[in-house]
Amino acid sequence: MLIAGVDEAGRGALAGPLVAAAVILGDDLDYTLLGDSKVLTAAKRDKLFDLIYASDSYIGVSIVPRNVVDARNVLQATLSGMAKSVARLKVHPELVLIDGNKAPDIRDCKVETIVKGDATEPCISAASIIAKVTRDRIMCRYDEKYPGYAFSTHKGYGTQQHYDAVFEHGLSLIHRRTFTISRQETLFT
């Protein structure tokens, strides 16, 4: 049975795209190496990213730009990105395992949600790694384009350093307009 794992990265970010990935693991990959991308070091994620791409796994990635996240809302953008990542697989899975509790509409296969599936299902772990590394690399490129925001450090998430940069420089073109910074700033006062 062809089983695809699906996860996203960037859902809670203040800036940058949302990235969704779908992975059908190949037989030549040691699944015991995989884990939730959030608990792996950046170096380990990068190594696993390369191993997954070098394997006979099938990979589909969808990058949802900031303006689409703002226009559709983050949940709808996430579900759409997940569905597109599955559609970009070179083969159609029979079962799709989604990390979380909401599932996109995917035709011609069974879909199941698994809360914290990125820590328990190897195919979701692989999708988590692909999505996170892809998004992190995008944010590092944005760091060069928009200096002063330290995107390569916090990857667009709401850290004190990021808020300080927004207060100093204003919003960049990649900041999501649907978060309200005045409400967010109370987190750090």
N, C-alpha and C. Protein backbone atom coordinates (compact mmCIF):
# COMPACT_ATOMS: atom_id res chain seq x y z
N MET A 1 0.84 -1.18 0.00
CA MET A 1 0.00 0.00 0.00
C MET A 1 0.88 1.24 0.00
N LEU A 2 0.58 2.18 -0.88
CA LEU A 2 1.33 3.43 -0.93
C LEU A 2 0.74 4.40 0.09
N ILE A 3 1.55 4.76 1.08
CA ILE A 3 1.12 5.65 2.16
C ILE A 3 1.95 6.92 2.10
N ALA A 4 1.27 8.06 2.03
CA ALA A 4 1.95 9.36 2.04
C ALA A 4 1.77 10.00 3.40
N GLY A 5 2.84 10.58 3.90
CA GLY A 5 2.77 11.40 5.10
C GLY A 5 2.78 12.85 4.68
N VAL A 6 2.02 13.68 5.39
CA VAL A 6 1.92 15.10 5.03
C VAL A 6 2.09 15.96 6.28
N ASP A 7 2.87 17.01 6.16
CA ASP A 7 3.04 17.97 7.24
C ASP A 7 3.37 19.33 6.63
N GLU A 8 3.36 20.34 7.48
CA GLU A 8 3.66 21.70 7.03
C GLU A 8 4.66 22.37 7.95
N ALA A 9 5.21 23.47 7.48
CA ALA A 9 6.08 24.32 8.29
C ALA A 9 5.71 25.77 8.00
N GLY A 10 5.74 26.58 9.04
CA GLY A 10 5.49 28.00 8.87
C GLY A 10 4.09 28.45 9.19
N ARG A 11 3.29 27.56 9.68
CA ARG A 11 1.91 27.92 9.98
C ARG A 11 1.84 29.05 11.01
N GLY A 12 2.65 29.01 12.03
CA GLY A 12 2.59 30.01 13.09
C GLY A 12 3.56 31.17 12.91
N ALA A 13 4.17 31.28 11.75
CA ALA A 13 5.16 32.34 11.53
C ALA A 13 4.48 33.69 11.29
N LEU A 14 5.23 34.73 11.55
CA LEU A 14 4.76 36.09 11.28
C LEU A 14 5.16 36.56 9.89
N ALA A 15 6.11 35.86 9.28
CA ALA A 15 6.62 36.26 7.98
C ALA A 15 6.97 35.03 7.16
N GLY A 16 6.92 35.22 5.84
CA GLY A 16 7.32 34.16 4.93
C GLY A 16 6.20 33.22 4.55
N PRO A 17 6.52 32.28 3.68
CA PRO A 17 5.50 31.36 3.18
C PRO A 17 5.19 30.24 4.16
N LEU A 18 4.15 29.53 3.85
CA LEU A 18 3.83 28.26 4.50
C LEU A 18 4.28 27.19 3.52
N VAL A 19 4.95 26.16 3.98
CA VAL A 19 5.42 25.08 3.11
C VAL A 19 4.80 23.77 3.57
N ALA A 20 4.17 23.07 2.63
CA ALA A 20 3.59 21.75 2.91
C ALA A 20 4.36 20.72 2.10
N ALA A 21 4.54 19.55 2.69
CA ALA A 21 5.24 18.47 1.99
C ALA A 21 4.49 17.16 2.17
N ALA A 22 4.56 16.34 1.14
CA ALA A 22 4.02 14.98 1.17
C ALA A 22 5.15 14.03 0.79
N VAL A 23 5.28 12.93 1.52
CA VAL A 23 6.35 11.97 1.26
C VAL A 23 5.80 10.55 1.32
N ILE A 24 6.08 9.80 0.27
CA ILE A 24 5.89 8.35 0.28
C ILE A 24 7.29 7.77 0.40
N LEU A 25 7.57 7.15 1.53
CA LEU A 25 8.93 6.67 1.79
C LEU A 25 9.31 5.49 0.91
N GLY A 26 10.54 5.53 0.45
CA GLY A 26 11.09 4.41 -0.31
C GLY A 26 11.61 3.34 0.63
N ASP A 27 11.86 2.17 0.07
CA ASP A 27 12.34 1.04 0.86
C ASP A 27 13.81 1.16 1.24
N ASP A 28 14.54 2.06 0.58
CA ASP A 28 15.98 2.15 0.82
C ASP A 28 16.36 3.15 1.90
N LEU A 29 15.39 3.64 2.66
CA LEU A 29 15.66 4.63 3.69
C LEU A 29 15.49 3.99 5.07
N ASP A 30 16.42 4.26 5.96
CA ASP A 30 16.34 3.76 7.34
C ASP A 30 15.37 4.64 8.12
N TYR A 31 14.17 4.16 8.32
CA TYR A 31 13.10 4.93 8.96
C TYR A 31 13.44 5.29 10.41
N THR A 32 14.30 4.53 11.05
CA THR A 32 14.63 4.80 12.45
C THR A 32 15.40 6.10 12.62
N LEU A 33 15.95 6.63 11.54
CA LEU A 33 16.68 7.91 11.60
C LEU A 33 15.73 9.10 11.69
N LEU A 34 14.49 8.90 11.27
CA LEU A 34 13.55 10.00 11.15
C LEU A 34 12.94 10.38 12.49
N GLY A 35 12.51 11.62 12.60
CA GLY A 35 11.85 12.11 13.81
C GLY A 35 11.19 13.43 13.52
N ASP A 36 10.50 13.95 14.50
CA ASP A 36 9.83 15.24 14.40
C ASP A 36 10.87 16.31 14.12
N SER A 37 10.69 17.06 13.05
CA SER A 37 11.68 18.07 12.65
C SER A 37 11.92 19.12 13.74
N LYS A 38 10.92 19.36 14.57
CA LYS A 38 11.06 20.40 15.59
C LYS A 38 12.04 20.00 16.69
N VAL A 39 12.28 18.72 16.88
CA VAL A 39 13.19 18.29 17.95
C VAL A 39 14.57 17.90 17.42
N LEU A 40 14.74 17.86 16.11
CA LEU A 40 16.04 17.55 15.51
C LEU A 40 16.87 18.82 15.40
N THR A 41 18.17 18.69 15.46
CA THR A 41 19.03 19.85 15.23
C THR A 41 18.97 20.23 13.75
N ALA A 42 19.34 21.46 13.45
CA ALA A 42 19.36 21.92 12.06
C ALA A 42 20.29 21.05 11.21
N ALA A 43 21.44 20.69 11.76
CA ALA A 43 22.39 19.85 11.02
C ALA A 43 21.80 18.48 10.73
N LYS A 44 21.12 17.90 11.69
CA LYS A 44 20.51 16.58 11.49
C LYS A 44 19.37 16.67 10.47
N ARG A 45 18.56 17.74 10.55
CA ARG A 45 17.48 17.94 9.56
C ARG A 45 18.05 18.05 8.15
N ASP A 46 19.12 18.82 8.00
CA ASP A 46 19.73 18.98 6.68
C ASP A 46 20.24 17.65 6.14
N LYS A 47 20.87 16.86 6.99
CA LYS A 47 21.38 15.55 6.57
C LYS A 47 20.23 14.63 6.16
N LEU A 48 19.16 14.62 6.96
CA LEU A 48 18.01 13.78 6.65
C LEU A 48 17.29 14.26 5.40
N PHE A 49 17.21 15.55 5.21
CA PHE A 49 16.63 16.13 4.00
C PHE A 49 17.34 15.56 2.76
N ASP A 50 18.66 15.60 2.80
CA ASP A 50 19.46 15.07 1.68
C ASP A 50 19.25 13.56 1.51
N LEU A 51 19.20 12.83 2.63
CA LEU A 51 18.98 11.37 2.57
C LEU A 51 17.60 11.04 1.97
N ILE A 52 16.59 11.78 2.36
CA ILE A 52 15.24 11.52 1.84
C ILE A 52 15.20 11.79 0.34
N TYR A 53 15.79 12.90 -0.09
CA TYR A 53 15.82 13.21 -1.53
C TYR A 53 16.67 12.23 -2.31
N ALA A 54 17.71 11.69 -1.70
CA ALA A 54 18.59 10.73 -2.39
C ALA A 54 17.98 9.33 -2.44
N SER A 55 16.97 9.08 -1.62
CA SER A 55 16.34 7.76 -1.58
C SER A 55 15.35 7.60 -2.74
N ASP A 56 14.71 6.43 -2.78
CA ASP A 56 13.70 6.22 -3.82
C ASP A 56 12.30 6.64 -3.34
N SER A 57 12.28 7.58 -2.40
CA SER A 57 11.01 8.13 -1.91
C SER A 57 10.39 9.06 -2.94
N TYR A 58 9.08 9.21 -2.88
CA TYR A 58 8.36 10.19 -3.69
C TYR A 58 8.08 11.40 -2.82
N ILE A 59 8.35 12.60 -3.37
CA ILE A 59 8.23 13.83 -2.59
C ILE A 59 7.43 14.85 -3.39
N GLY A 60 6.48 15.48 -2.71
CA GLY A 60 5.72 16.59 -3.29
C GLY A 60 5.77 17.76 -2.33
N VAL A 61 6.03 18.96 -2.86
CA VAL A 61 6.15 20.15 -2.02
C VAL A 61 5.27 21.25 -2.59
N SER A 62 4.62 21.98 -1.70
CA SER A 62 3.81 23.13 -2.07
C SER A 62 4.24 24.32 -1.22
N ILE A 63 4.53 25.44 -1.87
CA ILE A 63 4.91 26.66 -1.17
C ILE A 63 3.77 27.66 -1.33
N VAL A 64 3.18 28.03 -0.20
CA VAL A 64 2.04 28.95 -0.20
C VAL A 64 2.56 30.33 0.19
N PRO A 65 2.55 31.29 -0.72
CA PRO A 65 3.11 32.62 -0.43
C PRO A 65 2.34 33.36 0.67
N ARG A 66 3.02 34.30 1.26
CA ARG A 66 2.46 35.12 2.34
C ARG A 66 1.12 35.74 1.97
N ASN A 67 1.01 36.29 0.79
CA ASN A 67 -0.23 36.96 0.40
C ASN A 67 -1.41 35.98 0.30
N VAL A 68 -1.15 34.74 -0.06
CA VAL A 68 -2.21 33.74 -0.11
C VAL A 68 -2.62 33.34 1.31
N VAL A 69 -1.64 33.20 2.20
CA VAL A 69 -1.95 32.91 3.60
C VAL A 69 -2.85 34.02 4.16
N ASP A 70 -2.51 35.27 3.87
CA ASP A 70 -3.31 36.40 4.34
C ASP A 70 -4.71 36.40 3.73
N ALA A 71 -4.80 36.11 2.45
CA ALA A 71 -6.09 36.18 1.76
C ALA A 71 -7.04 35.05 2.15
N ARG A 72 -6.49 33.87 2.37
CA ARG A 72 -7.34 32.69 2.60
C ARG A 72 -7.51 32.34 4.07
N ASN A 73 -6.67 32.77 4.92
CA ASN A 73 -6.47 32.48 6.34
C ASN A 73 -5.54 31.28 6.45
N VAL A 74 -4.87 31.18 7.58
CA VAL A 74 -3.78 30.21 7.70
C VAL A 74 -4.29 28.76 7.63
N LEU A 75 -5.45 28.48 8.17
CA LEU A 75 -5.97 27.11 8.11
C LEU A 75 -6.27 26.70 6.67
N GLN A 76 -6.99 27.54 5.93
CA GLN A 76 -7.32 27.21 4.55
C GLN A 76 -6.07 27.13 3.67
N ALA A 77 -5.10 28.01 3.93
CA ALA A 77 -3.84 27.97 3.19
C ALA A 77 -3.09 26.67 3.48
N THR A 78 -3.13 26.24 4.75
CA THR A 78 -2.48 24.98 5.14
C THR A 78 -3.13 23.79 4.44
N LEU A 79 -4.44 23.72 4.49
CA LEU A 79 -5.15 22.60 3.87
C LEU A 79 -4.93 22.57 2.36
N SER A 80 -4.97 23.74 1.74
CA SER A 80 -4.73 23.82 0.29
C SER A 80 -3.30 23.39 -0.05
N GLY A 81 -2.33 23.86 0.73
CA GLY A 81 -0.93 23.48 0.51
C GLY A 81 -0.72 21.99 0.67
N MET A 82 -1.38 21.40 1.68
CA MET A 82 -1.25 19.95 1.89
C MET A 82 -1.82 19.18 0.70
N ALA A 83 -2.99 19.58 0.23
CA ALA A 83 -3.61 18.91 -0.92
C ALA A 83 -2.71 19.03 -2.16
N LYS A 84 -2.15 20.21 -2.37
CA LYS A 84 -1.27 20.42 -3.53
C LYS A 84 0.01 19.59 -3.42
N SER A 85 0.53 19.45 -2.21
CA SER A 85 1.75 18.64 -2.06
C SER A 85 1.48 17.18 -2.41
N VAL A 86 0.31 16.67 -2.04
CA VAL A 86 -0.06 15.30 -2.42
C VAL A 86 -0.24 15.21 -3.93
N ALA A 87 -0.87 16.21 -4.53
CA ALA A 87 -1.08 16.21 -5.98
C ALA A 87 0.25 16.24 -6.74
N ARG A 88 1.30 16.76 -6.13
CA ARG A 88 2.60 16.86 -6.79
C ARG A 88 3.44 15.59 -6.68
N LEU A 89 2.96 14.60 -5.96
CA LEU A 89 3.65 13.31 -5.91
C LEU A 89 3.57 12.65 -7.29
N LYS A 90 4.60 11.96 -7.70
CA LYS A 90 4.60 11.31 -9.01
C LYS A 90 3.70 10.08 -9.07
N VAL A 91 3.33 9.57 -7.91
CA VAL A 91 2.38 8.46 -7.83
C VAL A 91 1.28 8.87 -6.85
N HIS A 92 0.09 8.34 -7.04
CA HIS A 92 -1.02 8.68 -6.16
C HIS A 92 -1.09 7.67 -5.01
N PRO A 93 -1.08 8.15 -3.77
CA PRO A 93 -1.13 7.23 -2.63
C PRO A 93 -2.52 6.63 -2.44
N GLU A 94 -2.55 5.52 -1.75
CA GLU A 94 -3.82 4.89 -1.38
C GLU A 94 -4.31 5.41 -0.03
N LEU A 95 -3.35 5.85 0.80
CA LEU A 95 -3.66 6.38 2.12
C LEU A 95 -2.78 7.59 2.37
N VAL A 96 -3.39 8.65 2.91
CA VAL A 96 -2.64 9.85 3.27
C VAL A 96 -2.79 10.08 4.77
N LEU A 97 -1.65 10.18 5.45
CA LEU A 97 -1.63 10.45 6.89
C LEU A 97 -1.23 11.91 7.09
N ILE A 98 -2.11 12.67 7.71
CA ILE A 98 -1.91 14.10 7.92
C ILE A 98 -1.52 14.35 9.36
N ASP A 99 -0.49 15.16 9.57
CA ASP A 99 -0.14 15.56 10.93
C ASP A 99 -1.14 16.61 11.39
N GLY A 100 -1.81 16.34 12.50
CA GLY A 100 -2.77 17.29 13.05
C GLY A 100 -4.16 16.70 13.14
N ASN A 101 -5.14 17.59 13.27
CA ASN A 101 -6.53 17.13 13.42
C ASN A 101 -7.47 17.63 12.33
N LYS A 102 -6.95 18.28 11.32
CA LYS A 102 -7.75 18.74 10.19
C LYS A 102 -7.17 18.17 8.91
N ALA A 103 -8.06 17.73 8.02
CA ALA A 103 -7.59 17.11 6.78
C ALA A 103 -8.10 17.87 5.57
N PRO A 104 -7.26 18.02 4.56
CA PRO A 104 -7.72 18.60 3.30
C PRO A 104 -8.54 17.58 2.53
N ASP A 105 -9.26 18.07 1.55
CA ASP A 105 -10.02 17.20 0.66
C ASP A 105 -9.07 16.63 -0.39
N ILE A 106 -8.80 15.36 -0.32
CA ILE A 106 -7.93 14.68 -1.28
C ILE A 106 -8.73 13.55 -1.89
N ARG A 107 -8.84 13.57 -3.19
CA ARG A 107 -9.69 12.59 -3.88
C ARG A 107 -8.99 11.27 -4.12
N ASP A 108 -9.81 10.25 -4.23
CA ASP A 108 -9.38 8.91 -4.64
C ASP A 108 -8.41 8.23 -3.68
N CYS A 109 -8.47 8.59 -2.40
CA CYS A 109 -7.69 7.85 -1.41
C CYS A 109 -8.27 8.13 -0.03
N LYS A 110 -7.91 7.27 0.88
CA LYS A 110 -8.33 7.43 2.26
C LYS A 110 -7.40 8.45 2.94
N VAL A 111 -7.97 9.29 3.81
CA VAL A 111 -7.18 10.31 4.52
C VAL A 111 -7.44 10.16 6.01
N GLU A 112 -6.37 10.13 6.79
CA GLU A 112 -6.47 10.06 8.25
C GLU A 112 -5.63 11.16 8.86
N THR A 113 -6.12 11.75 9.95
CA THR A 113 -5.34 12.72 10.70
C THR A 113 -4.75 12.04 11.93
N ILE A 114 -3.55 12.47 12.30
CA ILE A 114 -2.88 11.93 13.48
C ILE A 114 -2.24 13.10 14.22
N VAL A 115 -2.76 13.42 15.39
CA VAL A 115 -2.19 14.48 16.20
C VAL A 115 -0.80 14.03 16.66
N LYS A 116 0.18 14.90 16.45
CA LYS A 116 1.59 14.62 16.75
C LYS A 116 2.12 13.45 15.92
N GLY A 117 1.57 13.28 14.74
CA GLY A 117 2.00 12.21 13.85
C GLY A 117 3.42 12.36 13.38
N ASP A 118 3.95 13.59 13.41
CA ASP A 118 5.34 13.79 13.00
C ASP A 118 6.33 13.12 13.96
N ALA A 119 5.87 12.78 15.15
CA ALA A 119 6.72 12.09 16.11
C ALA A 119 6.53 10.57 16.11
N THR A 120 5.46 10.10 15.43
CA THR A 120 5.14 8.66 15.52
C THR A 120 5.10 7.94 14.19
N GLU A 121 4.87 8.64 13.12
CA GLU A 121 4.75 8.02 11.78
C GLU A 121 5.94 8.44 10.92
N PRO A 122 6.79 7.52 10.50
CA PRO A 122 7.98 7.88 9.73
C PRO A 122 7.67 8.70 8.47
N CYS A 123 6.59 8.39 7.75
CA CYS A 123 6.31 9.15 6.53
C CYS A 123 5.93 10.59 6.85
N ILE A 124 5.25 10.82 7.98
CA ILE A 124 4.93 12.19 8.39
C ILE A 124 6.20 12.88 8.88
N SER A 125 7.06 12.15 9.60
CA SER A 125 8.34 12.71 10.04
C SER A 125 9.15 13.19 8.84
N ALA A 126 9.19 12.38 7.79
CA ALA A 126 9.92 12.76 6.57
C ALA A 126 9.31 14.01 5.95
N ALA A 127 7.99 14.08 5.90
CA ALA A 127 7.32 15.27 5.35
C ALA A 127 7.63 16.49 6.21
N SER A 128 7.66 16.30 7.51
CA SER A 128 7.99 17.38 8.44
C SER A 128 9.39 17.93 8.17
N ILE A 129 10.33 17.03 7.95
CA ILE A 129 11.72 17.43 7.67
C ILE A 129 11.81 18.16 6.34
N ILE A 130 11.17 17.62 5.31
CA ILE A 130 11.21 18.26 3.99
C ILE A 130 10.60 19.66 4.06
N ALA A 131 9.45 19.79 4.70
CA ALA A 131 8.78 21.09 4.79
C ALA A 131 9.62 22.09 5.58
N LYS A 132 10.15 21.66 6.72
CA LYS A 132 10.91 22.57 7.59
C LYS A 132 12.20 23.03 6.93
N VAL A 133 12.96 22.13 6.35
CA VAL A 133 14.23 22.51 5.72
C VAL A 133 13.97 23.39 4.50
N THR A 134 12.96 23.05 3.71
CA THR A 134 12.63 23.88 2.55
C THR A 134 12.31 25.30 2.99
N ARG A 135 11.45 25.43 4.01
CA ARG A 135 11.06 26.76 4.48
C ARG A 135 12.25 27.49 5.11
N ASP A 136 13.04 26.80 5.92
CA ASP A 136 14.21 27.45 6.53
C ASP A 136 15.16 28.00 5.47
N ARG A 137 15.36 27.26 4.40
CA ARG A 137 16.25 27.73 3.33
C ARG A 137 15.67 28.95 2.61
N ILE A 138 14.36 28.96 2.44
CA ILE A 138 13.70 30.14 1.86
C ILE A 138 13.91 31.35 2.76
N MET A 139 13.74 31.15 4.06
CA MET A 139 13.88 32.27 5.00
C MET A 139 15.32 32.76 5.06
N CYS A 140 16.30 31.88 4.89
CA CYS A 140 17.70 32.32 4.83
C CYS A 140 17.95 33.18 3.60
N ARG A 141 17.31 32.85 2.48
CA ARG A 141 17.43 33.70 1.29
C ARG A 141 16.76 35.05 1.52
N TYR A 142 15.64 35.05 2.21
CA TYR A 142 14.97 36.31 2.54
C TYR A 142 15.82 37.16 3.49
N ASP A 143 16.63 36.54 4.31
CA ASP A 143 17.50 37.28 5.21
C ASP A 143 18.46 38.16 4.42
N GLU A 144 18.92 37.65 3.27
CA GLU A 144 19.81 38.43 2.41
C GLU A 144 19.05 39.56 1.72
N LYS A 145 17.81 39.30 1.35
CA LYS A 145 17.00 40.29 0.62
C LYS A 145 16.47 41.38 1.55
N TYR A 146 16.18 41.01 2.79
CA TYR A 146 15.63 41.95 3.76
C TYR A 146 16.53 41.99 5.00
N PRO A 147 17.70 42.62 4.89
CA PRO A 147 18.62 42.66 6.03
C PRO A 147 18.00 43.47 7.19
N GLY A 148 18.41 43.11 8.36
CA GLY A 148 17.91 43.83 9.53
C GLY A 148 16.83 43.08 10.29
N TYR A 149 16.26 42.05 9.69
CA TYR A 149 15.19 41.29 10.35
C TYR A 149 15.69 39.97 10.96
N ALA A 150 16.87 39.53 10.60
CA ALA A 150 17.47 38.29 11.13
C ALA A 150 16.62 37.05 10.80
N PHE A 151 16.06 37.02 9.59
CA PHE A 151 15.23 35.88 9.20
C PHE A 151 15.99 34.56 9.25
N SER A 152 17.30 34.59 9.03
CA SER A 152 18.06 33.34 9.08
C SER A 152 18.17 32.79 10.50
N THR A 153 17.92 33.63 11.49
CA THR A 153 18.00 33.20 12.88
C THR A 153 16.67 32.65 13.38
N HIS A 154 15.61 33.41 13.25
CA HIS A 154 14.30 33.01 13.81
C HIS A 154 13.34 32.45 12.76
N LYS A 155 13.72 32.51 11.50
CA LYS A 155 12.95 31.93 10.39
C LYS A 155 11.53 32.50 10.27
N GLY A 156 11.35 33.74 10.76
CA GLY A 156 10.06 34.40 10.60
C GLY A 156 9.09 34.19 11.75
N TYR A 157 9.51 33.43 12.76
CA TYR A 157 8.63 33.19 13.91
C TYR A 157 8.73 34.36 14.91
N GLY A 158 7.79 34.44 15.82
CA GLY A 158 7.65 35.57 16.72
C GLY A 158 8.57 35.54 17.92
N THR A 159 9.83 35.80 17.72
CA THR A 159 10.78 35.90 18.83
C THR A 159 10.93 37.37 19.22
N GLN A 160 11.52 37.60 20.37
CA GLN A 160 11.79 38.98 20.81
C GLN A 160 12.63 39.71 19.76
N GLN A 161 13.66 39.04 19.24
CA GLN A 161 14.53 39.64 18.22
C GLN A 161 13.72 40.05 16.99
N HIS A 162 12.79 39.20 16.59
CA HIS A 162 11.96 39.50 15.42
C HIS A 162 11.05 40.70 15.69
N TYR A 163 10.39 40.70 16.84
CA TYR A 163 9.53 41.83 17.17
C TYR A 163 10.32 43.13 17.26
N ASP A 164 11.49 43.08 17.85
CA ASP A 164 12.33 44.28 17.93
C ASP A 164 12.65 44.81 16.54
N ALA A 165 12.95 43.91 15.61
CA ALA A 165 13.26 44.33 14.23
C ALA A 165 12.04 44.95 13.56
N VAL A 166 10.87 44.38 13.80
CA VAL A 166 9.64 44.94 13.21
C VAL A 166 9.36 46.33 13.79
N PHE A 167 9.56 46.49 15.10
CA PHE A 167 9.34 47.80 15.71
C PHE A 167 10.33 48.83 15.17
N GLU A 168 11.54 48.38 14.87
CA GLU A 168 12.56 49.30 14.36
C GLU A 168 12.40 49.61 12.87
N HIS A 169 12.11 48.58 12.06
CA HIS A 169 12.12 48.74 10.60
C HIS A 169 10.73 48.74 9.96
N GLY A 170 9.71 48.37 10.72
CA GLY A 170 8.38 48.21 10.13
C GLY A 170 8.26 46.84 9.48
N LEU A 171 7.12 46.59 8.85
CA LEU A 171 6.90 45.30 8.20
C LEU A 171 7.61 45.25 6.85
N SER A 172 8.19 44.11 6.55
CA SER A 172 8.79 43.89 5.23
C SER A 172 7.70 43.38 4.28
N LEU A 173 8.05 43.22 3.05
CA LEU A 173 7.09 42.71 2.06
C LEU A 173 6.68 41.26 2.30
N ILE A 174 7.47 40.53 3.10
CA ILE A 174 7.12 39.13 3.35
C ILE A 174 6.40 38.91 4.68
N HIS A 175 6.17 39.98 5.44
CA HIS A 175 5.42 39.84 6.69
C HIS A 175 3.95 39.64 6.41
N ARG A 176 3.34 38.75 7.15
CA ARG A 176 1.91 38.50 7.02
C ARG A 176 1.15 39.67 7.64
N ARG A 177 0.15 40.11 6.93
CA ARG A 177 -0.62 41.26 7.37
C ARG A 177 -1.77 40.87 8.30
N THR A 178 -2.01 39.57 8.45
CA THR A 178 -3.15 39.12 9.24
C THR A 178 -2.83 38.93 10.72
N PHE A 179 -1.58 39.18 11.11
CA PHE A 179 -1.31 39.18 12.55
C PHE A 179 -1.26 40.64 13.00
N THR A 180 -1.70 40.89 14.22
CA THR A 180 -1.74 42.24 14.76
C THR A 180 -0.59 42.40 15.74
N ILE A 181 0.37 43.20 15.35
CA ILE A 181 1.57 43.32 16.18
C ILE A 181 1.26 43.96 17.53
N SER A 182 0.28 44.85 17.61
CA SER A 182 -0.02 45.48 18.89
C SER A 182 -0.50 44.45 19.91
N ARG A 183 -1.24 43.43 19.45
CA ARG A 183 -1.63 42.36 20.36
C ARG A 183 -0.45 41.47 20.69
N GLN A 184 0.41 41.23 19.72
CA GLN A 184 1.54 40.35 19.92
C GLN A 184 2.58 40.94 20.87
N GLU A 185 2.74 42.26 20.84
CA GLU A 185 3.80 42.85 21.65
C GLU A 185 3.58 42.65 23.16
N THR A 186 2.35 42.40 23.57
CA THR A 186 2.10 42.16 24.99
C THR A 186 2.75 40.86 25.47
N LEU A 187 3.13 40.00 24.55
CA LEU A 187 3.82 38.77 24.95
C LEU A 187 5.18 39.06 25.57
N PHE A 188 5.76 40.20 25.25
CA PHE A 188 7.12 40.49 25.67
C PHE A 188 7.21 41.66 26.66
N THR A 189 6.08 42.09 27.20
CA THR A 189 6.12 43.20 28.16
C THR A 189 5.77 42.73 29.54
